[in-house]
N, C-alpha and C. Protein backbone atom coordinates (compact mmCIF):
# COMPACT_ATOMS: atom_id res chain seq x y z
N MET A 1 0.77 -1.28 -0.03
CA MET A 1 -0.06 0.06 -0.03
C MET A 1 0.73 1.36 0.08
N ARG A 2 0.63 2.11 -0.80
CA ARG A 2 1.28 3.42 -0.86
C ARG A 2 0.78 4.41 0.13
N VAL A 3 1.39 4.93 0.99
CA VAL A 3 1.28 5.93 1.95
C VAL A 3 1.86 7.33 1.71
N TYR A 4 1.22 8.28 2.11
CA TYR A 4 1.95 9.71 1.82
C TYR A 4 2.01 10.23 3.34
N VAL A 5 3.32 10.44 3.64
CA VAL A 5 3.51 10.68 5.06
C VAL A 5 3.85 12.41 5.02
N PRO A 6 2.99 13.11 5.83
CA PRO A 6 3.33 14.50 5.74
C PRO A 6 4.32 14.79 6.87
N LEU A 7 5.24 15.86 6.46
CA LEU A 7 6.53 16.18 7.44
C LEU A 7 6.66 17.66 7.03
N THR A 8 7.77 18.16 7.89
CA THR A 8 8.34 19.52 7.54
C THR A 8 9.79 19.17 7.04
N LEU A 9 10.43 20.29 6.71
CA LEU A 9 11.85 19.87 6.36
C LEU A 9 12.81 19.63 7.43
N PRO A 10 12.40 20.12 8.82
CA PRO A 10 13.30 19.78 9.88
C PRO A 10 12.94 18.27 10.31
N ARG A 11 11.64 17.80 9.97
CA ARG A 11 11.42 16.60 10.42
C ARG A 11 11.76 15.48 9.24
N LEU A 12 11.92 16.01 8.03
CA LEU A 12 12.61 15.14 6.92
C LEU A 12 14.16 15.03 7.43
N ALA A 13 14.69 16.03 7.71
CA ALA A 13 16.23 16.03 8.22
C ALA A 13 16.49 15.07 9.46
N GLU A 14 15.32 14.94 10.37
CA GLU A 14 15.45 14.13 11.39
C GLU A 14 15.29 12.75 10.94
N ALA A 15 14.45 12.36 10.05
CA ALA A 15 14.20 11.04 9.42
C ALA A 15 15.42 10.59 8.62
N HIS A 16 16.02 11.51 7.98
CA HIS A 16 17.12 11.15 7.17
C HIS A 16 18.18 10.82 8.20
N LYS A 17 18.40 11.52 9.25
CA LYS A 17 19.50 11.14 10.15
C LYS A 17 19.29 10.01 10.88
N LYS A 18 17.99 9.61 11.28
CA LYS A 18 17.63 8.35 11.94
C LYS A 18 17.52 7.11 11.06
N GLY A 19 17.21 7.60 9.77
CA GLY A 19 17.16 6.28 8.57
C GLY A 19 15.76 5.80 8.73
N GLU A 20 14.68 6.52 9.10
CA GLU A 20 13.19 6.00 9.41
C GLU A 20 12.22 7.23 9.45
N LEU A 21 11.14 6.83 8.63
CA LEU A 21 10.08 7.95 8.90
C LEU A 21 9.47 8.01 10.22
N GLY A 22 9.35 6.71 10.85
CA GLY A 22 8.78 6.55 12.19
C GLY A 22 8.75 5.26 12.48
N THR A 23 8.41 5.09 13.87
CA THR A 23 8.26 3.70 14.42
C THR A 23 6.84 3.04 14.64
N GLY A 24 5.88 4.13 14.45
CA GLY A 24 4.56 3.80 14.58
C GLY A 24 4.29 3.89 16.01
N PRO A 25 2.96 4.27 16.40
CA PRO A 25 2.05 4.73 15.16
C PRO A 25 2.18 6.25 14.68
N PHE A 26 1.87 6.40 13.41
CA PHE A 26 1.96 7.71 12.98
C PHE A 26 0.98 7.88 11.87
N VAL A 27 0.47 9.10 11.57
CA VAL A 27 -0.49 9.38 10.73
C VAL A 27 0.08 9.63 9.21
N ALA A 28 -0.58 9.08 8.30
CA ALA A 28 -0.20 9.08 6.85
C ALA A 28 -1.57 9.18 6.17
N TYR A 29 -1.54 9.33 4.70
CA TYR A 29 -2.75 9.43 4.09
C TYR A 29 -2.60 8.29 2.79
N ALA A 30 -3.76 7.70 2.39
CA ALA A 30 -3.69 6.83 1.33
C ALA A 30 -5.13 6.61 0.79
N ILE A 31 -5.05 5.77 -0.32
CA ILE A 31 -6.49 5.61 -0.84
C ILE A 31 -7.21 4.78 0.03
N THR A 32 -8.20 5.37 0.72
CA THR A 32 -9.06 4.56 1.63
C THR A 32 -10.53 4.46 1.04
N PRO A 33 -11.36 3.61 1.57
CA PRO A 33 -12.71 3.61 1.01
C PRO A 33 -13.45 4.85 1.02
N ALA A 34 -13.29 5.52 2.16
CA ALA A 34 -13.83 6.84 2.11
C ALA A 34 -13.35 7.77 1.23
N LEU A 35 -12.05 7.90 1.01
CA LEU A 35 -11.50 8.80 0.14
C LEU A 35 -12.02 8.31 -1.46
N ARG A 36 -12.05 7.13 -1.71
CA ARG A 36 -12.76 6.83 -3.05
C ARG A 36 -14.02 7.25 -3.05
N GLU A 37 -14.84 7.14 -2.01
CA GLU A 37 -16.26 7.54 -2.12
C GLU A 37 -16.31 9.07 -2.42
N TRP A 38 -15.59 9.68 -1.66
CA TRP A 38 -15.60 11.14 -1.60
C TRP A 38 -15.02 11.77 -3.12
N TYR A 39 -14.04 11.22 -3.55
CA TYR A 39 -13.43 11.60 -4.91
C TYR A 39 -14.19 11.19 -5.97
N LEU A 40 -15.00 10.18 -5.89
CA LEU A 40 -15.78 9.68 -6.90
C LEU A 40 -15.14 9.32 -8.28
N SER A 41 -14.06 8.59 -8.23
CA SER A 41 -13.32 8.18 -9.23
C SER A 41 -12.74 6.78 -8.93
N ASP A 42 -12.47 5.95 -10.08
CA ASP A 42 -11.61 4.84 -9.98
C ASP A 42 -10.29 5.01 -10.66
N ASP A 43 -9.84 5.92 -10.96
CA ASP A 43 -8.65 6.27 -11.59
C ASP A 43 -7.65 6.30 -10.45
N ILE A 44 -6.76 5.32 -10.39
CA ILE A 44 -5.73 5.05 -9.37
C ILE A 44 -4.91 6.39 -9.21
N GLU A 45 -4.46 6.85 -10.49
CA GLU A 45 -3.63 8.15 -10.35
C GLU A 45 -4.35 9.34 -9.78
N GLU A 46 -5.44 9.50 -10.08
CA GLU A 46 -6.31 10.66 -9.45
C GLU A 46 -6.45 10.40 -7.94
N LEU A 47 -6.68 9.16 -7.56
CA LEU A 47 -6.87 8.78 -6.19
C LEU A 47 -5.58 8.98 -5.45
N GLU A 48 -4.49 8.48 -5.95
CA GLU A 48 -3.18 8.83 -5.50
C GLU A 48 -2.77 10.21 -5.25
N TYR A 49 -3.27 11.08 -6.27
CA TYR A 49 -2.99 12.52 -6.17
C TYR A 49 -4.07 13.12 -5.04
N ALA A 50 -5.15 12.64 -4.93
CA ALA A 50 -6.03 13.14 -3.88
C ALA A 50 -5.37 12.84 -2.36
N ALA A 51 -4.84 11.58 -2.35
CA ALA A 51 -4.37 11.27 -1.00
C ALA A 51 -2.87 12.12 -0.73
N LEU A 52 -2.19 12.35 -1.84
CA LEU A 52 -0.91 13.27 -1.76
C LEU A 52 -1.42 14.55 -1.25
N SER A 53 -2.57 15.09 -2.03
CA SER A 53 -3.09 16.30 -1.59
C SER A 53 -3.45 16.47 -0.03
N ARG A 54 -4.09 15.40 0.44
CA ARG A 54 -4.50 15.56 1.97
C ARG A 54 -3.26 15.55 2.59
N ALA A 55 -2.27 14.78 2.34
CA ALA A 55 -0.91 14.77 3.15
C ALA A 55 -0.38 16.24 3.08
N ALA A 56 -0.55 16.79 1.84
CA ALA A 56 -0.02 18.14 1.63
C ALA A 56 -0.57 19.10 2.73
N LEU A 57 -1.88 18.95 2.86
CA LEU A 57 -2.82 19.76 3.92
C LEU A 57 -2.20 19.44 5.23
N ALA A 58 -2.14 18.24 5.52
CA ALA A 58 -1.50 17.90 6.94
C ALA A 58 -0.14 18.38 7.20
N SER A 59 0.75 18.41 6.08
CA SER A 59 2.04 18.91 6.10
C SER A 59 1.85 20.55 6.36
N LEU A 60 0.95 21.21 5.80
CA LEU A 60 0.76 22.63 5.95
C LEU A 60 0.39 22.86 7.53
N ARG A 61 -0.28 21.91 8.06
CA ARG A 61 -0.62 22.08 9.47
C ARG A 61 0.47 21.94 10.58
N LEU A 62 1.47 20.98 10.10
CA LEU A 62 2.79 20.80 10.71
C LEU A 62 3.55 22.05 10.56
N VAL A 63 3.66 22.54 9.63
CA VAL A 63 4.44 23.90 9.13
C VAL A 63 3.92 24.93 10.07
N ALA A 64 2.55 25.11 10.18
CA ALA A 64 1.87 26.10 10.93
C ALA A 64 2.19 25.96 12.46
N ALA A 65 2.31 24.82 12.85
CA ALA A 65 2.57 24.41 14.35
C ALA A 65 4.13 24.62 14.66
N ASP A 66 5.03 24.76 13.69
CA ASP A 66 6.46 25.00 13.93
C ASP A 66 6.94 26.40 13.28
N PRO A 67 6.97 27.29 14.14
CA PRO A 67 7.47 28.49 13.72
C PRO A 67 8.77 28.68 12.98
N GLU A 68 9.63 27.62 13.41
CA GLU A 68 11.13 27.64 13.00
C GLU A 68 11.14 26.88 11.55
N ALA A 69 10.27 26.17 11.20
CA ALA A 69 10.26 25.29 9.89
C ALA A 69 10.11 26.19 8.78
N PRO A 70 10.99 25.98 7.72
CA PRO A 70 10.82 26.69 6.65
C PRO A 70 9.28 26.52 6.03
N ARG A 71 8.78 27.36 5.38
CA ARG A 71 7.34 27.43 4.98
C ARG A 71 7.29 26.75 3.67
N ARG A 72 7.57 25.46 3.65
CA ARG A 72 7.52 24.65 2.58
C ARG A 72 6.77 23.29 2.84
N ARG A 73 5.83 22.75 2.35
CA ARG A 73 5.13 21.43 2.60
C ARG A 73 6.09 20.28 1.98
N VAL A 74 6.11 19.30 2.71
CA VAL A 74 6.85 18.08 2.46
C VAL A 74 6.03 16.76 2.79
N VAL A 75 6.02 16.00 1.74
CA VAL A 75 5.18 14.68 1.88
C VAL A 75 6.17 13.65 1.18
N VAL A 76 6.32 12.52 2.06
CA VAL A 76 7.18 11.34 1.62
C VAL A 76 6.15 10.19 1.22
N ALA A 77 6.32 9.77 -0.12
CA ALA A 77 5.63 8.60 -0.50
C ALA A 77 6.31 7.44 -0.29
N VAL A 78 5.80 6.23 0.53
CA VAL A 78 6.37 5.21 0.87
C VAL A 78 5.47 3.89 0.71
N ASP A 79 5.88 2.79 0.40
CA ASP A 79 5.20 1.65 0.23
C ASP A 79 5.29 0.82 1.59
N VAL A 80 4.20 0.30 2.24
CA VAL A 80 4.20 -0.50 3.33
C VAL A 80 3.34 -1.69 3.06
N SER A 81 3.37 -2.56 3.87
CA SER A 81 2.57 -3.69 3.67
C SER A 81 1.15 -3.43 4.03
N ASP A 82 0.13 -4.12 3.54
CA ASP A 82 -1.29 -3.73 3.57
C ASP A 82 -1.48 -3.80 5.04
N GLY A 83 -1.25 -4.52 5.86
CA GLY A 83 -1.48 -4.54 7.43
C GLY A 83 -0.92 -3.49 8.23
N ALA A 84 0.08 -2.90 7.61
CA ALA A 84 0.74 -1.95 8.40
C ALA A 84 0.09 -0.44 8.41
N ALA A 85 -0.86 -0.28 7.60
CA ALA A 85 -1.57 0.90 7.49
C ALA A 85 -3.19 0.62 7.64
N THR A 86 -3.70 1.32 8.65
CA THR A 86 -5.38 0.94 8.68
C THR A 86 -5.96 2.58 8.94
N ALA A 87 -7.15 2.49 8.27
CA ALA A 87 -7.99 3.69 8.39
C ALA A 87 -9.05 3.37 9.62
N ASP A 88 -9.45 4.43 10.19
CA ASP A 88 -10.39 4.19 11.33
C ASP A 88 -11.78 4.24 10.78
N PRO A 89 -12.43 3.13 10.78
CA PRO A 89 -13.69 3.24 10.23
C PRO A 89 -14.88 4.13 10.81
N ASP A 90 -14.56 4.65 12.03
CA ASP A 90 -15.47 5.66 12.79
C ASP A 90 -15.18 6.93 12.24
N ARG A 91 -14.07 7.11 11.63
CA ARG A 91 -13.73 8.54 11.15
C ARG A 91 -13.74 8.79 9.62
N GLY A 92 -14.02 7.58 8.91
CA GLY A 92 -14.04 7.43 7.59
C GLY A 92 -14.73 8.53 6.76
N LEU A 93 -15.75 8.91 7.10
CA LEU A 93 -16.49 9.99 6.40
C LEU A 93 -16.24 11.44 6.98
N ASP A 94 -15.53 11.55 8.05
CA ASP A 94 -15.20 12.74 8.52
C ASP A 94 -14.27 13.61 7.76
N PRO A 95 -14.82 14.89 7.18
CA PRO A 95 -14.05 15.47 6.10
C PRO A 95 -12.69 15.86 6.75
N ALA A 96 -12.33 15.80 7.79
CA ALA A 96 -10.97 16.21 8.24
C ALA A 96 -10.07 15.07 8.15
N ALA A 97 -10.64 13.71 8.11
CA ALA A 97 -9.96 12.38 8.22
C ALA A 97 -9.92 11.74 6.94
N LEU A 98 -10.35 12.33 5.90
CA LEU A 98 -10.40 11.64 4.50
C LEU A 98 -8.99 11.12 4.19
N GLY A 99 -8.83 9.82 3.98
CA GLY A 99 -7.60 9.32 3.46
C GLY A 99 -6.52 9.11 4.55
N GLU A 100 -6.95 9.30 5.67
CA GLU A 100 -5.99 9.39 6.93
C GLU A 100 -5.99 7.76 7.33
N VAL A 101 -4.76 7.48 7.40
CA VAL A 101 -4.40 6.08 7.97
C VAL A 101 -3.47 6.10 9.06
N THR A 102 -3.37 5.11 9.93
CA THR A 102 -2.39 5.09 10.99
C THR A 102 -1.50 4.03 10.76
N VAL A 103 -0.13 4.18 10.58
CA VAL A 103 0.91 3.19 10.20
C VAL A 103 1.29 2.78 11.52
N THR A 104 1.42 1.58 11.76
CA THR A 104 1.76 0.99 13.06
C THR A 104 3.08 0.17 13.06
N ALA A 105 3.83 -0.03 11.68
CA ALA A 105 5.15 -0.53 11.69
C ALA A 105 6.28 0.60 11.59
N THR A 106 7.42 0.02 11.72
CA THR A 106 8.59 0.91 11.68
C THR A 106 8.79 1.15 10.07
N VAL A 107 8.95 2.41 9.57
CA VAL A 107 9.03 2.50 8.19
C VAL A 107 10.47 3.04 7.89
N PRO A 108 11.34 2.25 7.41
CA PRO A 108 12.81 2.67 7.03
C PRO A 108 12.52 3.85 5.89
N LEU A 109 13.34 4.97 5.97
CA LEU A 109 13.35 5.84 5.07
C LEU A 109 13.73 5.35 3.67
N ALA A 110 14.73 4.26 3.74
CA ALA A 110 15.06 3.62 2.39
C ALA A 110 13.84 3.05 1.71
N LYS A 111 12.75 2.81 2.22
CA LYS A 111 11.65 2.39 1.45
C LYS A 111 10.92 3.38 0.76
N ALA A 112 11.40 4.52 1.04
CA ALA A 112 10.49 5.78 0.32
C ALA A 112 10.75 5.65 -1.16
N ALA A 113 9.60 5.97 -1.91
CA ALA A 113 9.67 6.00 -3.25
C ALA A 113 9.90 7.28 -3.92
N ALA A 114 9.66 8.18 -3.11
CA ALA A 114 9.80 9.69 -3.52
C ALA A 114 9.46 10.68 -2.41
N VAL A 115 10.01 11.92 -2.42
CA VAL A 115 9.73 12.90 -1.78
C VAL A 115 9.25 14.13 -2.40
N HIS A 116 8.17 14.73 -2.06
CA HIS A 116 7.59 15.76 -2.74
C HIS A 116 7.55 17.01 -1.81
N VAL A 117 8.18 18.09 -2.39
CA VAL A 117 8.29 19.40 -1.64
C VAL A 117 8.04 20.65 -2.46
N ASP A 118 7.58 21.62 -1.66
CA ASP A 118 7.25 22.71 -2.35
C ASP A 118 8.67 23.56 -2.90
N ALA A 119 8.47 24.15 -4.02
CA ALA A 119 9.62 24.91 -4.61
C ALA A 119 9.79 26.13 -3.57
N ASP A 120 10.81 26.76 -3.69
CA ASP A 120 11.17 28.06 -2.91
C ASP A 120 10.20 28.95 -3.26
N ASP A 121 9.76 29.24 -4.27
CA ASP A 121 8.82 30.43 -4.71
C ASP A 121 7.45 30.16 -4.14
N ALA A 122 7.13 28.92 -3.63
CA ALA A 122 5.96 28.74 -2.87
C ALA A 122 5.76 29.28 -1.41
N GLU A 123 7.01 29.62 -0.71
CA GLU A 123 7.05 29.85 0.50
C GLU A 123 6.17 31.00 1.10
N PRO A 124 5.96 32.17 0.15
CA PRO A 124 5.01 33.14 0.81
C PRO A 124 3.55 32.64 0.86
N ASP A 125 3.23 31.90 -0.28
CA ASP A 125 1.79 31.39 -0.15
C ASP A 125 1.68 30.24 0.85
N VAL A 126 2.56 29.63 1.09
CA VAL A 126 2.40 28.62 2.23
C VAL A 126 2.59 29.26 3.62
N ALA A 127 3.22 30.32 3.68
CA ALA A 127 3.36 31.02 4.91
C ALA A 127 2.03 31.82 5.14
N ALA A 128 1.41 32.35 4.22
CA ALA A 128 0.02 32.91 4.33
C ALA A 128 -0.91 31.95 4.72
N ALA A 129 -0.77 30.80 4.12
CA ALA A 129 -1.81 29.65 4.05
C ALA A 129 -1.74 29.11 5.81
N ALA A 130 -0.48 28.98 6.18
CA ALA A 130 -0.16 28.56 7.65
C ALA A 130 -0.70 29.44 8.54
N GLY A 131 -0.48 30.68 8.21
CA GLY A 131 -1.16 31.86 8.99
C GLY A 131 -2.76 31.90 9.15
N ALA A 132 -3.37 31.53 7.97
CA ALA A 132 -4.81 31.66 7.91
C ALA A 132 -5.55 30.14 8.39
N LEU A 133 -4.77 29.14 8.60
CA LEU A 133 -5.56 27.83 8.83
C LEU A 133 -6.49 27.94 10.10
N GLU A 134 -6.12 28.71 11.17
CA GLU A 134 -7.04 28.63 12.30
C GLU A 134 -8.29 29.30 11.87
N ALA A 135 -8.15 30.42 11.28
CA ALA A 135 -9.37 31.14 10.86
C ALA A 135 -10.22 30.36 9.88
N ALA A 136 -9.54 29.61 8.82
CA ALA A 136 -10.34 28.84 8.04
C ALA A 136 -11.07 27.77 8.59
N ASP A 137 -10.17 27.04 9.83
CA ASP A 137 -10.93 26.22 10.45
C ASP A 137 -12.17 26.45 11.08
N GLY A 138 -12.30 27.90 11.37
CA GLY A 138 -13.35 28.39 12.10
C GLY A 138 -14.45 29.00 11.27
N GLY A 139 -14.30 28.61 9.81
CA GLY A 139 -15.53 28.87 8.81
C GLY A 139 -15.20 30.17 8.15
N ASP A 140 -13.99 30.91 8.25
CA ASP A 140 -13.84 32.21 7.62
C ASP A 140 -13.38 31.95 6.11
N ASP A 141 -14.36 32.16 5.23
CA ASP A 141 -14.20 31.92 3.84
C ASP A 141 -13.02 32.80 3.19
N ASP A 142 -12.62 33.93 3.59
CA ASP A 142 -11.65 34.69 2.97
C ASP A 142 -10.31 33.86 3.56
N ALA A 143 -10.10 33.35 4.70
CA ALA A 143 -9.01 32.57 5.13
C ALA A 143 -8.92 31.32 4.36
N GLN A 144 -10.04 30.77 4.06
CA GLN A 144 -10.08 29.53 3.47
C GLN A 144 -9.60 29.56 1.97
N PHE A 145 -9.78 30.76 1.25
CA PHE A 145 -9.23 31.17 0.13
C PHE A 145 -7.66 31.23 -0.01
N VAL A 146 -7.16 31.87 1.20
CA VAL A 146 -5.77 31.93 1.35
C VAL A 146 -5.16 30.62 1.58
N VAL A 147 -5.77 29.70 2.38
CA VAL A 147 -5.31 28.36 2.54
C VAL A 147 -5.28 27.48 1.35
N ASP A 148 -6.31 27.82 0.48
CA ASP A 148 -6.31 26.98 -0.96
C ASP A 148 -5.44 27.65 -1.79
N GLY A 149 -4.83 28.79 -1.64
CA GLY A 149 -3.65 29.35 -2.41
C GLY A 149 -2.44 28.50 -2.36
N ALA A 150 -2.26 27.81 -1.24
CA ALA A 150 -1.01 26.97 -1.29
C ALA A 150 -1.16 25.89 -2.22
N ASP A 151 -2.36 25.44 -2.60
CA ASP A 151 -2.45 24.22 -3.52
C ASP A 151 -2.27 24.80 -4.88
N ASP A 152 -2.02 26.07 -5.14
CA ASP A 152 -1.84 26.58 -6.50
C ASP A 152 -0.37 26.22 -6.85
N HIS A 153 0.35 25.72 -5.93
CA HIS A 153 1.45 25.38 -6.13
C HIS A 153 1.94 23.73 -6.19
N GLU A 154 2.19 23.26 -7.19
CA GLU A 154 2.21 21.79 -7.16
C GLU A 154 3.63 21.55 -6.38
N LEU A 155 3.51 20.24 -5.54
CA LEU A 155 4.69 19.83 -4.94
C LEU A 155 5.77 19.35 -5.99
N LEU A 156 6.90 19.67 -5.74
CA LEU A 156 7.96 18.97 -6.77
C LEU A 156 8.36 17.62 -6.37
N TRP A 157 8.74 16.72 -7.32
CA TRP A 157 9.03 15.32 -7.11
C TRP A 157 10.68 15.31 -6.86
N TYR A 158 11.06 14.66 -5.88
CA TYR A 158 12.41 14.41 -5.68
C TYR A 158 12.69 13.10 -5.48
N ALA A 159 13.91 12.48 -5.99
CA ALA A 159 14.32 11.02 -5.61
C ALA A 159 14.82 11.16 -4.19
N THR A 160 14.76 9.93 -3.57
CA THR A 160 15.22 9.89 -2.19
C THR A 160 16.67 10.19 -1.97
N GLN A 161 17.50 9.99 -3.04
CA GLN A 161 18.73 10.26 -3.06
C GLN A 161 19.04 11.87 -3.02
N GLU A 162 18.04 12.72 -3.30
CA GLU A 162 18.19 13.99 -3.09
C GLU A 162 17.89 14.57 -1.80
N ILE A 163 17.42 13.68 -0.93
CA ILE A 163 17.19 14.25 0.48
C ILE A 163 18.26 15.13 0.95
N PRO A 164 19.62 14.70 1.16
CA PRO A 164 20.63 15.37 1.94
C PRO A 164 20.76 16.83 1.30
N ASN A 165 20.42 17.12 -0.20
CA ASN A 165 20.55 18.33 -0.67
C ASN A 165 19.25 19.13 -0.15
N LEU A 166 17.94 18.50 -0.02
CA LEU A 166 16.84 19.11 0.52
C LEU A 166 17.01 19.68 1.90
N VAL A 167 17.48 18.84 2.68
CA VAL A 167 17.71 19.20 4.14
C VAL A 167 18.88 20.04 4.41
N GLY A 168 19.78 20.19 3.47
CA GLY A 168 20.92 21.08 3.59
C GLY A 168 22.36 20.29 3.98
N GLU A 169 22.28 19.08 3.97
CA GLU A 169 23.30 18.15 4.25
C GLU A 169 24.16 17.86 3.14
N GLY A 170 23.66 18.24 1.93
CA GLY A 170 24.43 17.69 0.57
C GLY A 170 25.45 18.56 0.21
């Protein structure tokens, strides 16, 4: 099962140093039955993009919670065994939990398929989105428009060999 793990650049640096994304349990995003129902598509690439987008939003929340983190969203795509990631059936249709899974296994960073990161030019919009999250969560439509503005930036694809350069160790 392909899962998308939301991180920040400092958390990616930590994962690189430790050689693992986490020891479980930790939250990731994947194609869940609820995500399939919500997205109304059977196209696997579209569904994977939807799961990646959900992880990007979770990364934005991590960025907002860490004032020291660069204002760039980070998502690591990794394959885990089917039993290592489970969706909570009680939260399946909760809009805040669409695509959310709990990974219970240790996931070596070496198993990562790719890393997705915002380009440098996205930082102002990601910073604005991070600052608007609380108001958007409270129902402010203008703030939601600002949060959605981060999605105007496609996450760039990086090979795992590029992680040292991404985290300033290369």
